Amino acid sequence: MGPKFGDAIKFCFRKRFDDSSPSLGSSADAVPALCDKLRDLMPKDGEPRGDVAEIYSHVVTRCTELAAGAVAERMLLPGEPVPSVSDVEQAVVLASLVCKSAEAVERFLGFAEQQAHDLLFPRAPVINCPNRGSK
């Protein structure tokens, strides 16, 4: 993948979701459509990924944000939270941009959930969470 493709991906990514637009992941309808467009431009096996590092970084960040809701609910409320279907769907679509298989997507989303837990857990005493130790 040459610099042209990397620049095209970054351009499409920024043009569609600049400061005046909703961010990637803010609309359940926008995420699959954008990911479908980006998927063909993502590097193939053996191709450098430096040109799309910004997209990889955004996918990690957004998947962590999507997981944080359920993680926070586990910390604040008794019992297992009811999953947000749209959050899960968005996270799976985003993760599929950077993962090759369903198993990789599952592990990637597990990583994002752990990241969310690691970010929220130290702040649990501030909000006096009864379920601080649970994950």
N, C-alpha and C. Protein backbone atom coordinates (compact mmCIF):
# COMPACT_ATOMS: atom_id res chain seq x y z
N MET A 1 0.85 -1.17 0.00
CA MET A 1 0.00 0.00 0.00
C MET A 1 0.89 1.22 0.00
N GLY A 2 0.72 2.05 -0.98
CA GLY A 2 1.55 3.24 -1.09
C GLY A 2 0.96 4.41 -0.34
N PRO A 3 1.69 5.51 -0.30
CA PRO A 3 1.23 6.69 0.41
C PRO A 3 -0.10 7.23 -0.12
N LYS A 4 -0.39 7.04 -1.40
CA LYS A 4 -1.65 7.55 -1.95
C LYS A 4 -2.85 6.96 -1.22
N PHE A 5 -2.82 5.64 -0.98
CA PHE A 5 -3.94 4.99 -0.31
C PHE A 5 -4.05 5.47 1.13
N GLY A 6 -2.92 5.57 1.81
CA GLY A 6 -2.93 6.03 3.19
C GLY A 6 -3.48 7.44 3.29
N ASP A 7 -3.06 8.29 2.38
CA ASP A 7 -3.57 9.66 2.37
C ASP A 7 -5.06 9.68 2.04
N ALA A 8 -5.49 8.81 1.14
CA ALA A 8 -6.92 8.75 0.79
C ALA A 8 -7.75 8.31 1.98
N ILE A 9 -7.27 7.32 2.70
CA ILE A 9 -7.99 6.84 3.88
C ILE A 9 -8.10 7.97 4.90
N LYS A 10 -6.98 8.62 5.17
CA LYS A 10 -6.99 9.71 6.16
C LYS A 10 -7.91 10.84 5.70
N PHE A 11 -7.87 11.15 4.41
CA PHE A 11 -8.72 12.22 3.87
C PHE A 11 -10.19 11.86 4.04
N CYS A 12 -10.58 10.64 3.65
CA CYS A 12 -11.97 10.21 3.78
C CYS A 12 -12.41 10.21 5.24
N PHE A 13 -11.53 9.72 6.07
CA PHE A 13 -11.81 9.63 7.50
C PHE A 13 -12.04 11.02 8.08
N ARG A 14 -11.16 11.96 7.77
CA ARG A 14 -11.28 13.32 8.30
C ARG A 14 -12.44 14.08 7.66
N LYS A 15 -12.62 13.90 6.35
CA LYS A 15 -13.68 14.63 5.64
C LYS A 15 -15.04 14.21 6.18
N ARG A 16 -15.24 12.94 6.38
CA ARG A 16 -16.54 12.45 6.84
C ARG A 16 -16.77 12.81 8.31
N PHE A 17 -15.70 12.83 9.11
CA PHE A 17 -15.85 13.04 10.54
C PHE A 17 -14.92 14.12 11.03
N ASP A 18 -15.05 15.32 10.46
CA ASP A 18 -14.24 16.44 10.93
C ASP A 18 -14.92 17.07 12.14
N ASP A 19 -14.42 18.21 12.58
CA ASP A 19 -14.95 18.86 13.78
C ASP A 19 -16.41 19.27 13.65
N SER A 20 -16.87 19.48 12.43
CA SER A 20 -18.26 19.91 12.26
C SER A 20 -19.22 18.73 12.10
N SER A 21 -18.68 17.52 12.05
CA SER A 21 -19.51 16.33 11.88
C SER A 21 -19.47 15.48 13.14
N PRO A 22 -20.42 14.57 13.29
CA PRO A 22 -20.35 13.65 14.42
C PRO A 22 -19.10 12.78 14.29
N SER A 23 -18.53 12.38 15.40
CA SER A 23 -17.32 11.56 15.35
C SER A 23 -17.65 10.14 14.93
N LEU A 24 -16.64 9.44 14.44
CA LEU A 24 -16.82 8.05 14.04
C LEU A 24 -17.34 7.29 15.24
N GLY A 25 -18.46 6.68 15.08
CA GLY A 25 -19.03 5.91 16.17
C GLY A 25 -20.18 6.61 16.85
N SER A 26 -20.44 7.87 16.53
CA SER A 26 -21.52 8.57 17.21
C SER A 26 -22.87 8.23 16.60
N SER A 27 -22.89 7.72 15.41
CA SER A 27 -24.13 7.33 14.77
C SER A 27 -24.05 5.86 14.39
N ALA A 28 -25.01 5.10 14.86
CA ALA A 28 -25.01 3.67 14.58
C ALA A 28 -25.09 3.40 13.08
N ASP A 29 -25.76 4.27 12.34
CA ASP A 29 -25.89 4.08 10.89
C ASP A 29 -24.61 4.44 10.15
N ALA A 30 -23.88 5.43 10.64
CA ALA A 30 -22.69 5.91 9.94
C ALA A 30 -21.52 4.96 10.05
N VAL A 31 -21.38 4.26 11.15
CA VAL A 31 -20.21 3.41 11.37
C VAL A 31 -20.09 2.30 10.33
N PRO A 32 -21.10 1.45 10.14
CA PRO A 32 -20.94 0.39 9.13
C PRO A 32 -20.68 0.93 7.73
N ALA A 33 -21.34 2.00 7.37
CA ALA A 33 -21.16 2.57 6.03
C ALA A 33 -19.72 3.05 5.83
N LEU A 34 -19.19 3.75 6.81
CA LEU A 34 -17.82 4.23 6.69
C LEU A 34 -16.83 3.07 6.72
N CYS A 35 -17.05 2.12 7.61
CA CYS A 35 -16.13 0.98 7.69
C CYS A 35 -16.12 0.19 6.39
N ASP A 36 -17.28 0.05 5.74
CA ASP A 36 -17.32 -0.64 4.45
C ASP A 36 -16.45 0.08 3.42
N LYS A 37 -16.47 1.40 3.44
CA LYS A 37 -15.65 2.17 2.51
C LYS A 37 -14.16 2.05 2.85
N LEU A 38 -13.85 2.06 4.12
CA LEU A 38 -12.44 1.99 4.54
C LEU A 38 -11.83 0.60 4.37
N ARG A 39 -12.66 -0.43 4.52
CA ARG A 39 -12.14 -1.81 4.52
C ARG A 39 -11.32 -2.11 3.26
N ASP A 40 -11.78 -1.66 2.11
CA ASP A 40 -11.05 -1.93 0.86
C ASP A 40 -9.72 -1.18 0.80
N LEU A 41 -9.60 -0.12 1.55
CA LEU A 41 -8.38 0.69 1.53
C LEU A 41 -7.37 0.29 2.61
N MET A 42 -7.80 -0.56 3.54
CA MET A 42 -6.90 -0.96 4.63
C MET A 42 -5.80 -1.87 4.07
N PRO A 43 -4.63 -1.86 4.70
CA PRO A 43 -3.50 -2.65 4.20
C PRO A 43 -3.81 -4.15 4.18
N LYS A 44 -3.28 -4.80 3.18
CA LYS A 44 -3.40 -6.26 3.08
C LYS A 44 -2.23 -6.89 3.84
N ASP A 45 -2.23 -8.22 3.91
CA ASP A 45 -1.14 -8.93 4.59
C ASP A 45 0.21 -8.52 4.02
N GLY A 46 1.13 -8.19 4.90
CA GLY A 46 2.48 -7.85 4.50
C GLY A 46 2.69 -6.41 4.09
N GLU A 47 1.63 -5.64 3.97
CA GLU A 47 1.76 -4.23 3.60
C GLU A 47 1.97 -3.38 4.84
N PRO A 48 2.70 -2.28 4.71
CA PRO A 48 2.94 -1.42 5.88
C PRO A 48 1.64 -0.78 6.37
N ARG A 49 1.60 -0.57 7.68
CA ARG A 49 0.40 -0.01 8.28
C ARG A 49 0.59 1.42 8.78
N GLY A 50 1.76 1.99 8.57
CA GLY A 50 2.07 3.32 9.05
C GLY A 50 1.13 4.38 8.51
N ASP A 51 0.70 4.23 7.26
CA ASP A 51 -0.18 5.22 6.64
C ASP A 51 -1.57 5.26 7.27
N VAL A 52 -1.96 4.19 7.95
CA VAL A 52 -3.29 4.13 8.55
C VAL A 52 -3.23 4.03 10.07
N ALA A 53 -2.11 4.41 10.64
CA ALA A 53 -1.95 4.33 12.10
C ALA A 53 -3.02 5.14 12.83
N GLU A 54 -3.41 6.26 12.26
CA GLU A 54 -4.44 7.10 12.88
C GLU A 54 -5.77 6.35 12.97
N ILE A 55 -6.08 5.56 11.97
CA ILE A 55 -7.33 4.80 11.98
C ILE A 55 -7.24 3.68 13.00
N TYR A 56 -6.11 2.97 13.05
CA TYR A 56 -5.92 1.92 14.05
C TYR A 56 -6.08 2.50 15.45
N SER A 57 -5.47 3.64 15.68
CA SER A 57 -5.55 4.29 16.99
C SER A 57 -6.99 4.67 17.33
N HIS A 58 -7.71 5.19 16.34
CA HIS A 58 -9.09 5.57 16.58
C HIS A 58 -9.96 4.35 16.89
N VAL A 59 -9.72 3.25 16.21
CA VAL A 59 -10.50 2.03 16.46
C VAL A 59 -10.28 1.57 17.90
N VAL A 60 -9.03 1.57 18.36
CA VAL A 60 -8.75 1.17 19.75
C VAL A 60 -9.48 2.11 20.72
N THR A 61 -9.36 3.40 20.49
CA THR A 61 -9.97 4.37 21.38
C THR A 61 -11.49 4.25 21.39
N ARG A 62 -12.09 4.17 20.22
CA ARG A 62 -13.55 4.11 20.14
C ARG A 62 -14.09 2.82 20.73
N CYS A 63 -13.43 1.69 20.49
CA CYS A 63 -13.88 0.42 21.07
C CYS A 63 -13.77 0.45 22.60
N THR A 64 -12.73 1.10 23.10
CA THR A 64 -12.58 1.25 24.56
C THR A 64 -13.72 2.10 25.11
N GLU A 65 -14.05 3.18 24.41
CA GLU A 65 -15.16 4.03 24.84
C GLU A 65 -16.48 3.26 24.83
N LEU A 66 -16.70 2.47 23.79
CA LEU A 66 -17.94 1.70 23.71
C LEU A 66 -18.03 0.67 24.83
N ALA A 67 -16.91 0.06 25.20
CA ALA A 67 -16.89 -0.93 26.28
C ALA A 67 -17.05 -0.27 27.65
N ALA A 68 -16.64 0.98 27.77
CA ALA A 68 -16.64 1.66 29.06
C ALA A 68 -18.04 1.78 29.68
N GLY A 69 -19.06 1.88 28.87
CA GLY A 69 -20.41 1.98 29.41
C GLY A 69 -20.78 0.76 30.23
N ALA A 70 -20.58 -0.42 29.66
CA ALA A 70 -20.91 -1.65 30.38
C ALA A 70 -19.99 -1.84 31.58
N VAL A 71 -18.72 -1.50 31.43
CA VAL A 71 -17.77 -1.62 32.54
C VAL A 71 -18.21 -0.72 33.69
N ALA A 72 -18.59 0.51 33.39
CA ALA A 72 -19.04 1.44 34.43
C ALA A 72 -20.32 0.94 35.09
N GLU A 73 -21.21 0.39 34.31
CA GLU A 73 -22.45 -0.16 34.89
C GLU A 73 -22.14 -1.28 35.85
N ARG A 74 -21.17 -2.15 35.51
CA ARG A 74 -20.78 -3.23 36.42
C ARG A 74 -20.21 -2.67 37.71
N MET A 75 -19.50 -1.56 37.61
CA MET A 75 -18.91 -0.96 38.80
C MET A 75 -19.97 -0.27 39.67
N LEU A 76 -20.97 0.31 39.04
CA LEU A 76 -21.95 1.13 39.77
C LEU A 76 -23.21 0.37 40.20
N LEU A 77 -23.60 -0.62 39.43
CA LEU A 77 -24.88 -1.28 39.67
C LEU A 77 -24.70 -2.75 40.01
N PRO A 78 -25.60 -3.29 40.81
CA PRO A 78 -25.53 -4.73 41.08
C PRO A 78 -25.98 -5.53 39.85
N GLY A 79 -25.44 -6.71 39.71
CA GLY A 79 -25.83 -7.58 38.60
C GLY A 79 -25.12 -7.22 37.30
N GLU A 80 -25.39 -8.03 36.31
CA GLU A 80 -24.79 -7.84 34.98
C GLU A 80 -25.61 -6.82 34.20
N PRO A 81 -24.96 -5.85 33.53
CA PRO A 81 -25.71 -4.86 32.78
C PRO A 81 -26.37 -5.47 31.54
N VAL A 82 -27.46 -4.85 31.12
CA VAL A 82 -28.10 -5.24 29.86
C VAL A 82 -27.23 -4.67 28.75
N PRO A 83 -26.76 -5.53 27.83
CA PRO A 83 -25.86 -5.03 26.79
C PRO A 83 -26.55 -4.02 25.87
N SER A 84 -25.81 -3.02 25.50
CA SER A 84 -26.28 -2.05 24.51
C SER A 84 -25.99 -2.64 23.13
N VAL A 85 -27.03 -3.04 22.45
CA VAL A 85 -26.87 -3.71 21.16
C VAL A 85 -26.12 -2.82 20.17
N SER A 86 -26.47 -1.54 20.12
CA SER A 86 -25.81 -0.67 19.16
C SER A 86 -24.33 -0.48 19.49
N ASP A 87 -23.97 -0.41 20.79
CA ASP A 87 -22.56 -0.31 21.16
C ASP A 87 -21.79 -1.54 20.72
N VAL A 88 -22.38 -2.71 20.95
CA VAL A 88 -21.72 -3.97 20.56
C VAL A 88 -21.58 -4.04 19.04
N GLU A 89 -22.63 -3.71 18.32
CA GLU A 89 -22.59 -3.76 16.86
C GLU A 89 -21.51 -2.81 16.32
N GLN A 90 -21.46 -1.59 16.85
CA GLN A 90 -20.46 -0.62 16.39
C GLN A 90 -19.06 -1.13 16.70
N ALA A 91 -18.86 -1.67 17.88
CA ALA A 91 -17.53 -2.15 18.27
C ALA A 91 -17.08 -3.30 17.37
N VAL A 92 -18.00 -4.20 17.05
CA VAL A 92 -17.65 -5.34 16.17
C VAL A 92 -17.27 -4.84 14.78
N VAL A 93 -18.05 -3.90 14.24
CA VAL A 93 -17.76 -3.38 12.90
C VAL A 93 -16.41 -2.66 12.90
N LEU A 94 -16.18 -1.83 13.91
CA LEU A 94 -14.89 -1.12 13.99
C LEU A 94 -13.73 -2.10 14.14
N ALA A 95 -13.87 -3.06 15.04
CA ALA A 95 -12.79 -4.03 15.27
C ALA A 95 -12.50 -4.84 14.01
N SER A 96 -13.52 -5.08 13.20
CA SER A 96 -13.31 -5.86 11.97
C SER A 96 -12.42 -5.14 10.97
N LEU A 97 -12.25 -3.83 11.14
CA LEU A 97 -11.31 -3.10 10.28
C LEU A 97 -9.87 -3.50 10.55
N VAL A 98 -9.57 -3.86 11.77
CA VAL A 98 -8.17 -4.14 12.14
C VAL A 98 -7.93 -5.60 12.49
N CYS A 99 -8.96 -6.42 12.46
CA CYS A 99 -8.83 -7.85 12.81
C CYS A 99 -9.17 -8.71 11.60
N LYS A 100 -8.54 -9.87 11.53
CA LYS A 100 -8.73 -10.76 10.39
C LYS A 100 -9.83 -11.80 10.59
N SER A 101 -10.17 -12.14 11.84
CA SER A 101 -11.11 -13.22 12.08
C SER A 101 -12.07 -12.84 13.21
N ALA A 102 -13.13 -13.64 13.32
CA ALA A 102 -14.09 -13.41 14.40
C ALA A 102 -13.42 -13.60 15.76
N GLU A 103 -12.52 -14.56 15.86
CA GLU A 103 -11.79 -14.78 17.11
C GLU A 103 -10.92 -13.58 17.45
N ALA A 104 -10.28 -13.01 16.44
CA ALA A 104 -9.45 -11.82 16.67
C ALA A 104 -10.30 -10.64 17.12
N VAL A 105 -11.49 -10.49 16.53
CA VAL A 105 -12.40 -9.42 16.93
C VAL A 105 -12.79 -9.60 18.39
N GLU A 106 -13.13 -10.83 18.77
CA GLU A 106 -13.52 -11.11 20.15
C GLU A 106 -12.39 -10.78 21.13
N ARG A 107 -11.18 -11.17 20.78
CA ARG A 107 -10.04 -10.87 21.66
C ARG A 107 -9.73 -9.38 21.69
N PHE A 108 -9.85 -8.73 20.56
CA PHE A 108 -9.62 -7.29 20.50
C PHE A 108 -10.62 -6.56 21.39
N LEU A 109 -11.89 -6.97 21.32
CA LEU A 109 -12.91 -6.33 22.15
C LEU A 109 -12.70 -6.65 23.63
N GLY A 110 -12.15 -7.83 23.92
CA GLY A 110 -11.78 -8.15 25.30
C GLY A 110 -10.68 -7.21 25.79
N PHE A 111 -9.73 -6.92 24.91
CA PHE A 111 -8.67 -5.97 25.23
C PHE A 111 -9.26 -4.59 25.50
N ALA A 112 -10.20 -4.15 24.65
CA ALA A 112 -10.83 -2.84 24.83
C ALA A 112 -11.59 -2.78 26.15
N GLU A 113 -12.25 -3.86 26.50
CA GLU A 113 -12.98 -3.91 27.77
C GLU A 113 -12.01 -3.82 28.95
N GLN A 114 -10.90 -4.52 28.85
CA GLN A 114 -9.90 -4.46 29.92
C GLN A 114 -9.31 -3.05 30.01
N GLN A 115 -9.07 -2.43 28.88
CA GLN A 115 -8.58 -1.05 28.88
C GLN A 115 -9.56 -0.13 29.60
N ALA A 116 -10.85 -0.28 29.30
CA ALA A 116 -11.87 0.54 29.94
C ALA A 116 -11.87 0.31 31.44
N HIS A 117 -11.77 -0.94 31.84
CA HIS A 117 -11.73 -1.28 33.27
C HIS A 117 -10.51 -0.64 33.93
N ASP A 118 -9.36 -0.76 33.29
CA ASP A 118 -8.13 -0.21 33.85
C ASP A 118 -8.18 1.32 33.97
N LEU A 119 -8.90 1.96 33.06
CA LEU A 119 -9.05 3.41 33.13
C LEU A 119 -10.05 3.84 34.20
N LEU A 120 -11.13 3.08 34.36
CA LEU A 120 -12.19 3.46 35.30
C LEU A 120 -11.93 3.01 36.74
N PHE A 121 -11.32 1.85 36.92
CA PHE A 121 -11.16 1.27 38.25
C PHE A 121 -10.48 2.21 39.25
N PRO A 122 -9.38 2.89 38.89
CA PRO A 122 -8.75 3.78 39.87
C PRO A 122 -9.65 4.93 40.31
N ARG A 123 -10.66 5.25 39.54
CA ARG A 123 -11.56 6.35 39.89
C ARG A 123 -12.79 5.88 40.65
N ALA A 124 -12.93 4.58 40.87
CA ALA A 124 -14.09 4.04 41.56
C ALA A 124 -14.29 4.64 42.96
N PRO A 125 -13.24 4.84 43.76
CA PRO A 125 -13.48 5.43 45.08
C PRO A 125 -14.07 6.84 45.02
N VAL A 126 -13.80 7.56 43.97
CA VAL A 126 -14.32 8.92 43.84
C VAL A 126 -15.84 8.91 43.75
N ILE A 127 -16.37 7.90 43.08
CA ILE A 127 -17.82 7.82 42.93
C ILE A 127 -18.43 6.78 43.86
N ASN A 128 -17.60 6.24 44.78
CA ASN A 128 -18.05 5.32 45.82
C ASN A 128 -18.79 4.12 45.24
N CYS A 129 -18.10 3.38 44.37
CA CYS A 129 -18.71 2.23 43.72
C CYS A 129 -18.75 1.03 44.66
N PRO A 130 -19.91 0.43 44.83
CA PRO A 130 -20.01 -0.75 45.68
C PRO A 130 -19.37 -1.97 45.04
N ASN A 131 -19.26 -2.02 43.72
CA ASN A 131 -18.76 -3.20 43.01
C ASN A 131 -17.36 -2.96 42.44
N ARG A 132 -16.53 -2.26 43.16
CA ARG A 132 -15.21 -1.87 42.65
C ARG A 132 -14.36 -3.06 42.23
N GLY A 133 -14.40 -4.13 42.94
CA GLY A 133 -13.50 -5.23 42.65
C GLY A 133 -13.94 -6.10 41.51
N SER A 134 -15.19 -6.02 41.10
CA SER A 134 -15.68 -6.91 40.05
C SER A 134 -15.28 -6.39 38.68
N LYS A 135 -15.13 -7.32 37.78
CA LYS A 135 -14.78 -6.95 36.41
C LYS A 135 -15.83 -7.45 35.47
